[in-house]
C-alpha cells in the first residue's frame, strides 16, 4: 500500500480533469480525492496497491483529451489505510 500527493499543473481546469481522475481511480481501485485549487492547478491524494497506483499516476500525467499537463509534482506520503473508502471529487 502506498500514498501519493500530486499537484498537476497546465491546462487542467475546465477540461474534466477531476472526473477523469475519479474514473481512473475507480478503474484501479484507488482511494483518495481530487480537487481544483485556486491557483489553477489540481490537487490529487491517492492511495492504493503499488502497481495500480503507478498506473494511476501515469494516467494522471496524461490527463483527459482536452488537458495539457505541464508538470506533475509527486510526493510520497505515509499510507493511512481506512482513511478513505472511495475516490471523490472535492469542491
PDB file of N, CA and C in Angstrom:
ATOM      1  N   UNK A   1       0.848  -1.179   0.000  1.00  0.00           N
ATOM      2  CA  UNK A   1       0.000   0.000   0.000  1.00  0.00           C
ATOM      3  C   UNK A   1       0.891   1.239   0.000  1.00  0.00           C
ATOM      4  N   UNK A   2       0.572   2.175  -0.900  1.00  0.00           N
ATOM      5  CA  UNK A   2       1.312   3.435  -0.992  1.00  0.00           C
ATOM      6  C   UNK A   2       0.333   4.598  -1.071  1.00  0.00           C
ATOM      7  N   UNK A   3       0.846   5.786  -0.744  1.00  0.00           N
ATOM      8  CA  UNK A   3       0.054   7.015  -0.864  1.00  0.00           C
ATOM      9  C   UNK A   3       0.921   8.065  -1.529  1.00  0.00           C
ATOM     10  N   UNK A   4       0.299   8.804  -2.461  1.00  0.00           N
ATOM     11  CA  UNK A   4       0.989   9.925  -3.098  1.00  0.00           C
ATOM     12  C   UNK A   4       0.108  11.159  -3.046  1.00  0.00           C
ATOM     13  N   UNK A   5       0.788  12.303  -3.008  1.00  0.00           N
ATOM     14  CA  UNK A   5       0.147  13.609  -3.091  1.00  0.00           C
ATOM     15  C   UNK A   5       0.683  14.250  -4.357  1.00  0.00           C
ATOM     16  N   UNK A   6      -0.221  14.721  -5.226  1.00  0.00           N
ATOM     17  CA  UNK A   6       0.205  15.292  -6.501  1.00  0.00           C
ATOM     18  C   UNK A   6      -0.406  16.674  -6.704  1.00  0.00           C
ATOM     19  N   UNK A   7       0.385  17.541  -7.310  1.00  0.00           N
ATOM     20  CA  UNK A   7      -0.102  18.825  -7.799  1.00  0.00           C
ATOM     21  C   UNK A   7       0.131  18.800  -9.308  1.00  0.00           C
ATOM     22  N   UNK A   8      -0.968  18.863 -10.058  1.00  0.00           N
ATOM     23  CA  UNK A   8      -0.921  18.791 -11.506  1.00  0.00           C
ATOM     24  C   UNK A   8      -1.140  20.199 -12.056  1.00  0.00           C
ATOM     25  N   UNK A   9      -0.227  20.656 -12.914  1.00  0.00           N
ATOM     26  CA  UNK A   9      -0.364  21.996 -13.473  1.00  0.00           C
ATOM     27  C   UNK A   9      -0.402  21.937 -14.998  1.00  0.00           C
ATOM     28  N   UNK A  10      -0.864  23.024 -15.573  1.00  0.00           N
ATOM     29  CA  UNK A  10      -1.032  23.137 -17.014  1.00  0.00           C
ATOM     30  C   UNK A  10      -2.477  23.522 -17.289  1.00  0.00           C
ATOM     31  N   UNK A  11      -2.994  23.059 -18.407  1.00  0.00           N
ATOM     32  CA  UNK A  11      -4.418  23.282 -18.718  1.00  0.00           C
ATOM     33  C   UNK A  11      -5.172  22.106 -18.111  1.00  0.00           C
ATOM     34  N   UNK A  12      -5.532  22.240 -16.834  1.00  0.00           N
ATOM     35  CA  UNK A  12      -6.134  21.129 -16.105  1.00  0.00           C
ATOM     36  C   UNK A  12      -7.482  21.472 -15.467  1.00  0.00           C
ATOM     37  N   UNK A  13      -7.899  22.710 -15.568  1.00  0.00           N
ATOM     38  CA  UNK A  13      -9.222  23.074 -15.066  1.00  0.00           C
ATOM     39  C   UNK A  13     -10.107  23.417 -16.252  1.00  0.00           C
ATOM     40  N   UNK A  14     -11.370  23.022 -16.155  1.00  0.00           N
ATOM     41  CA  UNK A  14     -12.305  23.267 -17.245  1.00  0.00           C
ATOM     42  C   UNK A  14     -12.180  22.254 -18.375  1.00  0.00           C
ATOM     43  N   UNK A  15     -11.479  21.147 -18.130  1.00  0.00           N
ATOM     44  CA  UNK A  15     -11.271  20.114 -19.158  1.00  0.00           C
ATOM     45  C   UNK A  15     -11.695  18.733 -18.639  1.00  0.00           C
ATOM     46  N   UNK A  16     -12.488  18.700 -17.587  1.00  0.00           N
ATOM     47  CA  UNK A  16     -12.995  17.466 -16.983  1.00  0.00           C
ATOM     48  C   UNK A  16     -11.899  16.613 -16.353  1.00  0.00           C
ATOM     49  N   UNK A  17     -10.842  17.273 -15.866  1.00  0.00           N
ATOM     50  CA  UNK A  17      -9.739  16.539 -15.254  1.00  0.00           C
ATOM     51  C   UNK A  17     -10.192  15.784 -14.009  1.00  0.00           C
ATOM     52  N   UNK A  18     -10.974  16.424 -13.159  1.00  0.00           N
ATOM     53  CA  UNK A  18     -11.399  15.772 -11.913  1.00  0.00           C
ATOM     54  C   UNK A  18     -12.232  14.525 -12.191  1.00  0.00           C
ATOM     55  N   UNK A  19     -13.148  14.624 -13.129  1.00  0.00           N
ATOM     56  CA  UNK A  19     -13.962  13.469 -13.476  1.00  0.00           C
ATOM     57  C   UNK A  19     -13.096  12.357 -14.071  1.00  0.00           C
ATOM     58  N   UNK A  20     -12.142  12.735 -14.910  1.00  0.00           N
ATOM     59  CA  UNK A  20     -11.200  11.779 -15.488  1.00  0.00           C
ATOM     60  C   UNK A  20     -10.438  11.051 -14.375  1.00  0.00           C
ATOM     61  N   UNK A  21      -9.913  11.810 -13.412  1.00  0.00           N
ATOM     62  CA  UNK A  21      -9.137  11.214 -12.315  1.00  0.00           C
ATOM     63  C   UNK A  21     -10.013  10.272 -11.490  1.00  0.00           C
ATOM     64  N   UNK A  22     -11.261  10.656 -11.227  1.00  0.00           N
ATOM     65  CA  UNK A  22     -12.165   9.810 -10.453  1.00  0.00           C
ATOM     66  C   UNK A  22     -12.431   8.488 -11.179  1.00  0.00           C
ATOM     67  N   UNK A  23     -12.681   8.558 -12.464  1.00  0.00           N
ATOM     68  CA  UNK A  23     -12.936   7.333 -13.241  1.00  0.00           C
ATOM     69  C   UNK A  23     -11.710   6.427 -13.283  1.00  0.00           C
ATOM     70  N   UNK A  24     -10.534   7.013 -13.450  1.00  0.00           N
ATOM     71  CA  UNK A  24      -9.299   6.219 -13.470  1.00  0.00           C
ATOM     72  C   UNK A  24      -9.043   5.602 -12.097  1.00  0.00           C
ATOM     73  N   UNK A  25      -9.302   6.351 -11.038  1.00  0.00           N
ATOM     74  CA  UNK A  25      -9.122   5.826  -9.678  1.00  0.00           C
ATOM     75  C   UNK A  25     -10.045   4.636  -9.444  1.00  0.00           C
ATOM     76  N   UNK A  26     -11.274   4.761  -9.872  1.00  0.00           N
ATOM     77  CA  UNK A  26     -12.219   3.654  -9.712  1.00  0.00           C
ATOM     78  C   UNK A  26     -11.762   2.433 -10.505  1.00  0.00           C
ATOM     79  N   UNK A  27     -11.235   2.659 -11.696  1.00  0.00           N
ATOM     80  CA  UNK A  27     -10.751   1.562 -12.531  1.00  0.00           C
ATOM     81  C   UNK A  27      -9.625   0.792 -11.846  1.00  0.00           C
ATOM     82  N   UNK A  28      -8.752   1.501 -11.134  1.00  0.00           N
ATOM     83  CA  UNK A  28      -7.591   0.874 -10.499  1.00  0.00           C
ATOM     84  C   UNK A  28      -7.778   0.587  -9.009  1.00  0.00           C
ATOM     85  N   UNK A  29      -8.949   0.881  -8.455  1.00  0.00           N
ATOM     86  CA  UNK A  29      -9.186   0.619  -7.038  1.00  0.00           C
ATOM     87  C   UNK A  29      -8.434   1.558  -6.114  1.00  0.00           C
ATOM     88  N   UNK A  30      -8.236   2.796  -6.561  1.00  0.00           N
ATOM     89  CA  UNK A  30      -7.516   3.811  -5.789  1.00  0.00           C
ATOM     90  C   UNK A  30      -8.516   4.598  -4.951  1.00  0.00           C
ATOM     91  N   UNK A  31      -8.140   4.944  -3.729  1.00  0.00           N
ATOM     92  CA  UNK A  31      -8.975   5.782  -2.867  1.00  0.00           C
ATOM     93  C   UNK A  31      -8.272   7.112  -2.641  1.00  0.00           C
ATOM     94  N   UNK A  32      -9.047   8.132  -2.256  1.00  0.00           N
ATOM     95  CA  UNK A  32      -8.496   9.458  -2.009  1.00  0.00           C
ATOM     96  C   UNK A  32      -9.428  10.523  -2.546  1.00  0.00           C
ATOM     97  N   UNK A  33      -8.837  11.593  -3.123  1.00  0.00           N
ATOM     98  CA  UNK A  33      -9.657  12.679  -3.654  1.00  0.00           C
ATOM     99  C   UNK A  33      -8.896  13.479  -4.701  1.00  0.00           C
ATOM    100  N   UNK A  34      -9.665  14.274  -5.444  1.00  0.00           N
ATOM    101  CA  UNK A  34      -9.122  15.227  -6.412  1.00  0.00           C
ATOM    102  C   UNK A  34      -9.898  16.526  -6.237  1.00  0.00           C
ATOM    103  N   UNK A  35      -9.221  17.662  -6.394  1.00  0.00           N
ATOM    104  CA  UNK A  35      -9.922  18.948  -6.343  1.00  0.00           C
ATOM    105  C   UNK A  35      -9.123  20.023  -7.062  1.00  0.00           C
ATOM    106  N   UNK A  36      -9.853  21.018  -7.566  1.00  0.00           N
ATOM    107  CA  UNK A  36      -9.225  22.185  -8.173  1.00  0.00           C
ATOM    108  C   UNK A  36      -8.721  23.095  -7.066  1.00  0.00           C
ATOM    109  N   UNK A  37      -7.575  23.712  -7.300  1.00  0.00           N
ATOM    110  CA  UNK A  37      -7.061  24.717  -6.375  1.00  0.00           C
ATOM    111  C   UNK A  37      -7.218  26.098  -7.009  1.00  0.00           C
ATOM    112  N   UNK A  38      -7.202  27.123  -6.176  1.00  0.00           N
ATOM    113  CA  UNK A  38      -7.438  28.490  -6.641  1.00  0.00           C
ATOM    114  C   UNK A  38      -6.370  29.005  -7.602  1.00  0.00           C
ATOM    115  N   UNK A  39      -5.200  28.411  -7.585  1.00  0.00           N
ATOM    116  CA  UNK A  39      -4.120  28.881  -8.468  1.00  0.00           C
ATOM    117  C   UNK A  39      -4.166  28.244  -9.859  1.00  0.00           C
ATOM    118  N   UNK A  40      -5.214  27.461 -10.154  1.00  0.00           N
ATOM    119  CA  UNK A  40      -5.359  26.853 -11.470  1.00  0.00           C
ATOM    120  C   UNK A  40      -4.799  25.447 -11.579  1.00  0.00           C
ATOM    121  N   UNK A  41      -4.231  24.928 -10.503  1.00  0.00           N
ATOM    122  CA  UNK A  41      -3.704  23.566 -10.503  1.00  0.00           C
ATOM    123  C   UNK A  41      -4.763  22.606  -9.971  1.00  0.00           C
ATOM    124  N   UNK A  42      -4.458  21.318 -10.049  1.00  0.00           N
ATOM    125  CA  UNK A  42      -5.335  20.292  -9.492  1.00  0.00           C
ATOM    126  C   UNK A  42      -4.546  19.506  -8.449  1.00  0.00           C
ATOM    127  N   UNK A  43      -5.177  19.254  -7.316  1.00  0.00           N
ATOM    128  CA  UNK A  43      -4.585  18.508  -6.212  1.00  0.00           C
ATOM    129  C   UNK A  43      -5.167  17.100  -6.204  1.00  0.00           C
ATOM    130  N   UNK A  44      -4.297  16.098  -6.068  1.00  0.00           N
ATOM    131  CA  UNK A  44      -4.730  14.705  -6.020  1.00  0.00           C
ATOM    132  C   UNK A  44      -4.058  14.025  -4.835  1.00  0.00           C
ATOM    133  N   UNK A  45      -4.834  13.358  -4.013  1.00  0.00           N
ATOM    134  CA  UNK A  45      -4.299  12.500  -2.965  1.00  0.00           C
ATOM    135  C   UNK A  45      -4.799  11.097  -3.286  1.00  0.00           C
ATOM    136  N   UNK A  46      -3.878  10.174  -3.472  1.00  0.00           N
ATOM    137  CA  UNK A  46      -4.261   8.835  -3.917  1.00  0.00           C
ATOM    138  C   UNK A  46      -3.540   7.776  -3.106  1.00  0.00           C
ATOM    139  N   UNK A  47      -4.278   6.721  -2.782  1.00  0.00           N
ATOM    140  CA  UNK A  47      -3.719   5.626  -2.007  1.00  0.00           C
ATOM    141  C   UNK A  47      -4.212   4.304  -2.581  1.00  0.00           C
ATOM    142  N   UNK A  48      -3.279   3.353  -2.688  1.00  0.00           N
ATOM    143  CA  UNK A  48      -3.663   2.042  -3.197  1.00  0.00           C
ATOM    144  C   UNK A  48      -2.473   1.129  -3.364  1.00  0.00           C
ATOM    145  N   UNK A  49      -2.733  -0.013  -3.965  1.00  0.00           N
ATOM    146  CA  UNK A  49      -1.717  -1.002  -4.281  1.00  0.00           C
ATOM    147  C   UNK A  49      -0.622  -0.354  -5.132  1.00  0.00           C
ATOM    148  N   UNK A  50       0.631  -0.697  -4.871  1.00  0.00           N
ATOM    149  CA  UNK A  50       1.772  -0.062  -5.526  1.00  0.00           C
ATOM    150  C   UNK A  50       1.679  -0.101  -7.053  1.00  0.00           C
ATOM    151  N   UNK A  51       1.440  -1.268  -7.637  1.00  0.00           N
ATOM    152  CA  UNK A  51       1.389  -1.378  -9.099  1.00  0.00           C
ATOM    153  C   UNK A  51       0.218  -0.592  -9.683  1.00  0.00           C
ATOM    154  N   UNK A  52      -0.938  -0.687  -9.066  1.00  0.00           N
ATOM    155  CA  UNK A  52      -2.109   0.034  -9.558  1.00  0.00           C
ATOM    156  C   UNK A  52      -1.943   1.538  -9.390  1.00  0.00           C
ATOM    157  N   UNK A  53      -1.290   1.948  -8.306  1.00  0.00           N
ATOM    158  CA  UNK A  53      -1.043   3.365  -8.076  1.00  0.00           C
ATOM    159  C   UNK A  53      -0.093   3.917  -9.137  1.00  0.00           C
ATOM    160  N   UNK A  54       0.915   3.139  -9.521  1.00  0.00           N
ATOM    161  CA  UNK A  54       1.836   3.572 -10.586  1.00  0.00           C
ATOM    162  C   UNK A  54       1.078   3.807 -11.888  1.00  0.00           C
ATOM    163  N   UNK A  55       0.157   2.912 -12.223  1.00  0.00           N
ATOM    164  CA  UNK A  55      -0.648   3.076 -13.446  1.00  0.00           C
ATOM    165  C   UNK A  55      -1.551   4.300 -13.343  1.00  0.00           C
ATOM    166  N   UNK A  56      -2.131   4.513 -12.167  1.00  0.00           N
ATOM    167  CA  UNK A  56      -2.978   5.681 -11.948  1.00  0.00           C
ATOM    168  C   UNK A  56      -2.179   6.971 -12.123  1.00  0.00           C
ATOM    169  N   UNK A  57      -0.969   7.008 -11.588  1.00  0.00           N
ATOM    170  CA  UNK A  57      -0.112   8.192 -11.717  1.00  0.00           C
ATOM    171  C   UNK A  57       0.184   8.475 -13.191  1.00  0.00           C
ATOM    172  N   UNK A  58       0.478   7.436 -13.959  1.00  0.00           N
ATOM    173  CA  UNK A  58       0.725   7.623 -15.393  1.00  0.00           C
ATOM    174  C   UNK A  58      -0.498   8.226 -16.084  1.00  0.00           C
ATOM    175  N   UNK A  59      -1.677   7.764 -15.717  1.00  0.00           N
ATOM    176  CA  UNK A  59      -2.900   8.321 -16.300  1.00  0.00           C
ATOM    177  C   UNK A  59      -3.085   9.778 -15.895  1.00  0.00           C
ATOM    178  N   UNK A  60      -2.776  10.113 -14.650  1.00  0.00           N
ATOM    179  CA  UNK A  60      -2.892  11.498 -14.190  1.00  0.00           C
ATOM    180  C   UNK A  60      -1.915  12.409 -14.934  1.00  0.00           C
ATOM    181  N   UNK A  61      -0.751  11.891 -15.261  1.00  0.00           N
ATOM    182  CA  UNK A  61       0.231  12.667 -16.024  1.00  0.00           C
ATOM    183  C   UNK A  61      -0.214  12.850 -17.476  1.00  0.00           C
ATOM    184  N   UNK A  62      -1.023  11.917 -17.976  1.00  0.00           N
ATOM    185  CA  UNK A  62      -1.554  12.009 -19.339  1.00  0.00           C
ATOM    186  C   UNK A  62      -2.772  12.928 -19.373  1.00  0.00           C
ATOM    187  N   UNK A  63      -3.690  12.731 -18.430  1.00  0.00           N
ATOM    188  CA  UNK A  63      -4.884  13.559 -18.336  1.00  0.00           C
ATOM    189  C   UNK A  63      -5.908  13.264 -19.415  1.00  0.00           C
ATOM    190  N   UNK A  64      -7.060  13.939 -19.335  1.00  0.00           N
ATOM    191  CA  UNK A  64      -8.095  13.755 -20.344  1.00  0.00           C
ATOM    192  C   UNK A  64      -7.700  14.414 -21.666  1.00  0.00           C
ATOM    193  N   UNK A  65      -8.470  14.134 -22.681  1.00  0.00           N
ATOM    194  CA  UNK A  65      -8.165  14.580 -24.039  1.00  0.00           C
ATOM    195  C   UNK A  65      -7.920  16.085 -24.156  1.00  0.00           C
ATOM    196  N   UNK A  66      -8.716  16.900 -23.497  1.00  0.00           N
ATOM    197  CA  UNK A  66      -8.608  18.354 -23.635  1.00  0.00           C
ATOM    198  C   UNK A  66      -7.541  18.984 -22.733  1.00  0.00           C
ATOM    199  N   UNK A  67      -6.953  18.208 -21.859  1.00  0.00           N
ATOM    200  CA  UNK A  67      -5.957  18.747 -20.922  1.00  0.00           C
ATOM    201  C   UNK A  67      -4.574  18.837 -21.564  1.00  0.00           C
ATOM    202  N   UNK A  68      -3.753  19.726 -21.007  1.00  0.00           N
ATOM    203  CA  UNK A  68      -2.336  19.794 -21.340  1.00  0.00           C
ATOM    204  C   UNK A  68      -1.590  19.820 -20.012  1.00  0.00           C
ATOM    205  N   UNK A  69      -0.880  18.753 -19.715  1.00  0.00           N
ATOM    206  CA  UNK A  69      -0.180  18.640 -18.434  1.00  0.00           C
ATOM    207  C   UNK A  69       1.214  19.238 -18.587  1.00  0.00           C
ATOM    208  N   UNK A  70       1.454  20.313 -17.855  1.00  0.00           N
ATOM    209  CA  UNK A  70       2.763  20.969 -17.882  1.00  0.00           C
ATOM    210  C   UNK A  70       3.714  20.318 -16.882  1.00  0.00           C
ATOM    211  N   UNK A  71       3.186  19.987 -15.702  1.00  0.00           N
ATOM    212  CA  UNK A  71       4.026  19.418 -14.648  1.00  0.00           C
ATOM    213  C   UNK A  71       3.154  18.607 -13.689  1.00  0.00           C
ATOM    214  N   UNK A  72       3.769  17.609 -13.091  1.00  0.00           N
ATOM    215  CA  UNK A  72       3.116  16.810 -12.053  1.00  0.00           C
ATOM    216  C   UNK A  72       4.118  16.634 -10.925  1.00  0.00           C
ATOM    217  N   UNK A  73       3.904  17.368  -9.843  1.00  0.00           N
ATOM    218  CA  UNK A  73       4.769  17.243  -8.666  1.00  0.00           C
ATOM    219  C   UNK A  73       4.183  16.150  -7.785  1.00  0.00           C
ATOM    220  N   UNK A  74       4.988  15.138  -7.537  1.00  0.00           N
ATOM    221  CA  UNK A  74       4.509  13.961  -6.809  1.00  0.00           C
ATOM    222  C   UNK A  74       5.350  13.753  -5.555  1.00  0.00           C
ATOM    223  N   UNK A  75       4.675  13.628  -4.438  1.00  0.00           N
ATOM    224  CA  UNK A  75       5.322  13.396  -3.156  1.00  0.00           C
ATOM    225  C   UNK A  75       4.733  12.140  -2.531  1.00  0.00           C
ATOM    226  N   UNK A  76       5.586  11.213  -2.134  1.00  0.00           N
ATOM    227  CA  UNK A  76       5.092  10.032  -1.421  1.00  0.00           C
ATOM    228  C   UNK A  76       4.793  10.416   0.018  1.00  0.00           C
ATOM    229  N   UNK A  77       3.718   9.856   0.550  1.00  0.00           N
ATOM    230  CA  UNK A  77       3.331  10.088   1.928  1.00  0.00           C
ATOM    231  C   UNK A  77       3.123   8.750   2.619  1.00  0.00           C
ATOM    232  N   UNK A  78       3.045   8.803   3.922  1.00  0.00           N
ATOM    233  CA  UNK A  78       2.771   7.607   4.714  1.00  0.00           C
ATOM    234  C   UNK A  78       1.328   7.175   4.476  1.00  0.00           C
ATOM    235  N   UNK A  79       1.101   5.934   4.041  1.00  0.00           N
ATOM    236  CA  UNK A  79      -0.280   5.491   3.839  1.00  0.00           C
ATOM    237  C   UNK A  79      -1.048   5.426   5.155  1.00  0.00           C
ATOM    238  N   UNK A  80      -2.350   5.610   5.041  1.00  0.00           N
ATOM    239  CA  UNK A  80      -3.226   5.535   6.205  1.00  0.00           C
ATOM    240  C   UNK A  80      -4.451   4.713   5.809  1.00  0.00           C
ATOM    241  N   UNK A  81      -4.292   3.392   5.706  1.00  0.00           N
ATOM    242  CA  UNK A  81      -5.401   2.534   5.261  1.00  0.00           C
ATOM    243  C   UNK A  81      -6.668   2.774   6.077  1.00  0.00           C
ATOM    244  N   UNK A  82      -7.784   2.859   5.376  1.00  0.00           N
ATOM    245  CA  UNK A  82      -9.062   3.070   6.031  1.00  0.00           C
ATOM    246  C   UNK A  82      -9.474   4.520   6.138  1.00  0.00           C
ATOM    247  N   UNK A  83      -8.568   5.458   5.854  1.00  0.00           N
ATOM    248  CA  UNK A  83      -8.926   6.873   5.945  1.00  0.00           C
ATOM    249  C   UNK A  83      -9.956   7.241   4.871  1.00  0.00           C
ATOM    250  N   UNK A  84      -9.806   6.666   3.683  1.00  0.00           N
ATOM    251  CA  UNK A  84     -10.731   6.919   2.579  1.00  0.00           C
ATOM    252  C   UNK A  84     -11.386   5.610   2.161  1.00  0.00           C
ATOM    253  N   UNK A  85     -12.686   5.676   1.877  1.00  0.00           N
ATOM    254  CA  UNK A  85     -13.417   4.497   1.435  1.00  0.00           C
ATOM    255  C   UNK A  85     -13.533   4.438  -0.078  1.00  0.00           C
ATOM    256  N   UNK A  86     -13.401   5.612  -0.724  1.00  0.00           N
ATOM    257  CA  UNK A  86     -13.530   5.691  -2.171  1.00  0.00           C
ATOM    258  C   UNK A  86     -12.691   6.865  -2.677  1.00  0.00           C
ATOM    259  N   UNK A  87     -12.859   7.184  -3.933  1.00  0.00           N
ATOM    260  CA  UNK A  87     -12.158   8.325  -4.524  1.00  0.00           C
ATOM    261  C   UNK A  87     -13.206   9.356  -4.887  1.00  0.00           C
ATOM    262  N   UNK A  88     -13.072  10.549  -4.327  1.00  0.00           N
ATOM    263  CA  UNK A  88     -14.123  11.560  -4.502  1.00  0.00           C
ATOM    264  C   UNK A  88     -13.575  12.830  -5.146  1.00  0.00           C
ATOM    265  N   UNK A  89     -14.509  13.572  -5.718  1.00  0.00           N
ATOM    266  CA  UNK A  89     -14.216  14.910  -6.219  1.00  0.00           C
ATOM    267  C   UNK A  89     -14.592  15.874  -5.116  1.00  0.00           C
ATOM    268  N   UNK A  90     -13.644  16.688  -4.719  1.00  0.00           N
ATOM    269  CA  UNK A  90     -13.913  17.694  -3.678  1.00  0.00           C
ATOM    270  C   UNK A  90     -14.079  19.057  -4.347  1.00  0.00           C
ATOM    271  N   UNK A  91     -14.899  19.878  -3.732  1.00  0.00           N
ATOM    272  CA  UNK A  91     -15.161  21.210  -4.273  1.00  0.00           C
ATOM    273  C   UNK A  91     -14.718  22.281  -3.326  1.00  0.00           C
TER     274      UNK A  91
END
